[in-house]
């Protein structure tokens, strides 16, 4: 599945881990696709990051939520390919997209992330999920935060704002 089809700049959000969430946004700031993958080990993760990032048009943006060795793999490959890199913590994007009462506990924040991610999917007219893993939901929301931060959308969609 090639993402280079029209050469437009894109933004890929990665919820980094061995089990990752991915969300791709177009230049219009809308979600194009999302998914979860389980690489199981670092060598498979390196291969996966290589094959996913080689499909992005030159000059795209890669947003990484997470840290440590797994995030470093994505960062190195993104920079090697000349993509712009952004790092974000869950606390940062949650502070913009969620009310404080939805962030009191981890499980509460993950439930809210699922609800908000489904709203982003609907707003973007992306394929509706049969199931939505929390890592994909968090990648979607980190990506939405990033397209807003980059100015690709003027304001957060009414359906999603501080929900």
Protein backbone atom coordinates (compact mmCIF):
# COMPACT_ATOMS: atom_id res chain seq x y z
CA UNK A 1 0.00 0.00 0.00
CA UNK A 2 1.82 3.08 -1.21
CA UNK A 3 1.33 6.40 0.50
CA UNK A 4 3.28 8.32 -2.13
CA UNK A 5 0.36 8.30 -4.56
CA UNK A 6 0.01 12.06 -5.04
CA UNK A 7 3.26 13.33 -3.56
CA UNK A 8 1.46 15.55 -1.05
CA UNK A 9 3.13 16.14 2.29
CA UNK A 10 1.77 13.84 4.96
CA UNK A 11 1.99 13.44 8.70
CA UNK A 12 2.51 10.05 10.29
CA UNK A 13 1.82 9.74 14.02
CA UNK A 14 3.43 6.81 15.82
CA UNK A 15 2.48 5.61 19.29
CA UNK A 16 5.85 3.94 19.81
CA UNK A 17 6.35 0.55 21.42
CA UNK A 18 6.83 -3.00 20.19
CA UNK A 19 3.07 -2.90 19.71
CA UNK A 20 2.50 0.39 17.91
CA UNK A 21 -0.32 2.57 16.76
CA UNK A 22 -0.01 4.41 13.44
CA UNK A 23 -2.15 7.20 12.01
CA UNK A 24 -1.56 8.94 8.67
CA UNK A 25 -2.92 12.42 8.02
CA UNK A 26 -3.05 14.24 4.69
CA UNK A 27 -2.11 17.86 4.02
CA UNK A 28 -5.77 18.79 4.64
CA UNK A 29 -5.30 17.70 8.27
CA UNK A 30 -7.69 14.77 7.98
CA UNK A 31 -6.99 11.19 8.92
CA UNK A 32 -6.37 8.93 5.93
CA UNK A 33 -5.76 5.62 7.70
CA UNK A 34 -4.84 4.13 11.06
CA UNK A 35 -3.77 0.76 12.36
CA UNK A 36 -2.01 -1.19 15.09
CA UNK A 37 0.92 -3.52 14.57
CA UNK A 38 2.82 -5.80 16.87
CA UNK A 39 6.46 -6.17 15.88
CA UNK A 40 7.36 -8.40 18.84
CA UNK A 41 11.06 -7.52 18.83
CA UNK A 42 13.50 -4.74 17.98
CA UNK A 43 14.83 -6.22 14.74
CA UNK A 44 11.31 -6.59 13.31
CA UNK A 45 10.50 -3.09 14.56
CA UNK A 46 13.52 -1.69 12.67
CA UNK A 47 12.39 -3.44 9.48
CA UNK A 48 8.84 -2.20 10.00
CA UNK A 49 9.91 1.41 10.59
CA UNK A 50 12.08 1.27 7.48
CA UNK A 51 9.31 -0.07 5.24
CA UNK A 52 6.62 2.27 6.61
CA UNK A 53 8.72 5.44 6.46
CA UNK A 54 10.08 4.75 2.97
CA UNK A 55 6.50 5.12 1.69
CA UNK A 56 6.08 8.68 2.97
CA UNK A 57 6.66 11.52 0.51
CA UNK A 58 9.85 13.47 1.07
CA UNK A 59 9.46 16.27 3.60
CA UNK A 60 6.62 14.63 5.47
CA UNK A 61 6.28 14.97 9.24
CA UNK A 62 6.73 12.07 11.66
CA UNK A 63 5.28 12.55 15.14
CA UNK A 64 6.44 10.15 17.81
CA UNK A 65 4.72 9.63 21.13
CA UNK A 66 6.78 7.57 23.50
CA UNK A 67 10.41 7.24 24.37
CA UNK A 68 13.31 4.93 24.83
CA UNK A 69 14.86 2.55 22.35
CA UNK A 70 11.68 1.96 20.34
CA UNK A 71 11.08 5.69 19.78
CA UNK A 72 14.75 6.15 18.87
CA UNK A 73 14.39 3.60 16.04
CA UNK A 74 11.57 5.66 14.49
CA UNK A 75 13.45 8.91 15.05
CA UNK A 76 16.66 7.70 13.40
CA UNK A 77 14.84 6.32 10.36
CA UNK A 78 12.68 9.45 9.96
CA UNK A 79 15.72 11.74 10.11
CA UNK A 80 17.70 9.49 7.77
CA UNK A 81 14.90 9.88 5.22
CA UNK A 82 14.77 13.67 5.63
CA UNK A 83 11.39 13.85 7.33
CA UNK A 84 10.57 16.54 9.85
CA UNK A 85 10.41 15.09 13.34
CA UNK A 86 8.18 15.98 16.27
CA UNK A 87 8.16 14.30 19.68
CA UNK A 88 5.12 14.62 21.92
CA UNK A 89 4.14 13.20 25.28
CA UNK A 90 0.68 11.87 25.95
CA UNK A 91 0.34 14.53 28.66
CA UNK A 92 0.88 17.27 26.07
CA UNK A 93 -1.71 16.18 23.52
CA UNK A 94 -4.15 15.12 26.24
CA UNK A 95 -3.86 18.60 27.78
CA UNK A 96 -5.03 20.10 24.49
CA UNK A 97 -7.67 17.53 23.51
CA UNK A 98 -9.10 16.37 26.86
CA UNK A 99 -10.63 18.02 29.87
CA UNK A 100 -8.77 17.43 33.17
CA UNK A 101 -11.56 15.19 34.48
CA UNK A 102 -10.92 12.77 31.59
CA UNK A 103 -7.23 12.47 32.49
CA UNK A 104 -7.46 11.56 36.19
CA UNK A 105 -6.48 7.92 35.68
CA UNK A 106 -4.78 6.00 32.88
CA UNK A 107 -7.83 3.82 32.14
CA UNK A 108 -10.08 6.90 32.12
CA UNK A 109 -7.75 8.67 29.66
CA UNK A 110 -7.62 5.59 27.40
CA UNK A 111 -11.43 5.32 27.34
CA UNK A 112 -11.67 8.99 26.44
CA UNK A 113 -8.99 8.57 23.77
CA UNK A 114 -11.10 5.82 22.18
CA UNK A 115 -14.18 8.08 22.10
CA UNK A 116 -12.28 11.06 20.67
CA UNK A 117 -10.41 8.93 18.10
CA UNK A 118 -13.73 7.59 16.81
CA UNK A 119 -14.89 11.20 16.41
CA UNK A 120 -11.73 12.02 14.42
CA UNK A 121 -12.34 8.97 12.22
CA UNK A 122 -15.92 10.09 11.56
CA UNK A 123 -14.93 13.76 10.96
CA UNK A 124 -12.21 12.61 8.54
CA UNK A 125 -14.54 10.20 6.76
CA UNK A 126 -11.91 7.48 7.26
CA UNK A 127 -12.85 3.80 7.32
CA UNK A 128 -14.76 2.99 10.49
CA UNK A 129 -13.10 0.49 12.80
CA UNK A 130 -14.45 -2.92 13.66
CA UNK A 131 -12.24 -2.65 16.71
CA UNK A 132 -9.92 0.16 17.73
CA UNK A 133 -6.89 -0.64 19.86
CA UNK A 134 -5.79 2.03 22.33
CA UNK A 135 -2.40 2.43 20.61
CA UNK A 136 -4.09 3.32 17.30
CA UNK A 137 -6.50 5.67 19.12
CA UNK A 138 -3.59 7.44 20.79
CA UNK A 139 -1.70 7.73 17.49
CA UNK A 140 -4.81 9.30 15.93
CA UNK A 141 -5.02 11.88 18.71
CA UNK A 142 -1.29 12.63 18.73
CA UNK A 143 -1.60 13.15 14.96
CA UNK A 144 -4.58 15.46 15.33
CA UNK A 145 -2.65 17.48 17.92
CA UNK A 146 0.29 17.70 15.50
CA UNK A 147 -1.69 18.80 12.41
CA UNK A 148 -3.22 21.53 14.56
CA UNK A 149 0.17 22.47 16.03
CA UNK A 150 1.67 22.64 12.50
CA UNK A 151 -1.19 24.86 11.29
CA UNK A 152 -2.53 22.31 8.79
CA UNK A 153 -5.94 22.94 10.35
CA UNK A 154 -6.87 26.34 11.77
CA UNK A 155 -8.78 24.97 14.71
CA UNK A 156 -9.72 21.66 16.18
CA UNK A 157 -12.96 20.27 14.78
CA UNK A 158 -16.03 21.22 16.82
CA UNK A 159 -16.83 17.52 17.31
CA UNK A 160 -13.52 16.93 19.04
CA UNK A 161 -12.61 20.12 20.90
CA UNK A 162 -11.95 19.60 24.60
CA UNK A 163 -14.32 16.66 24.69
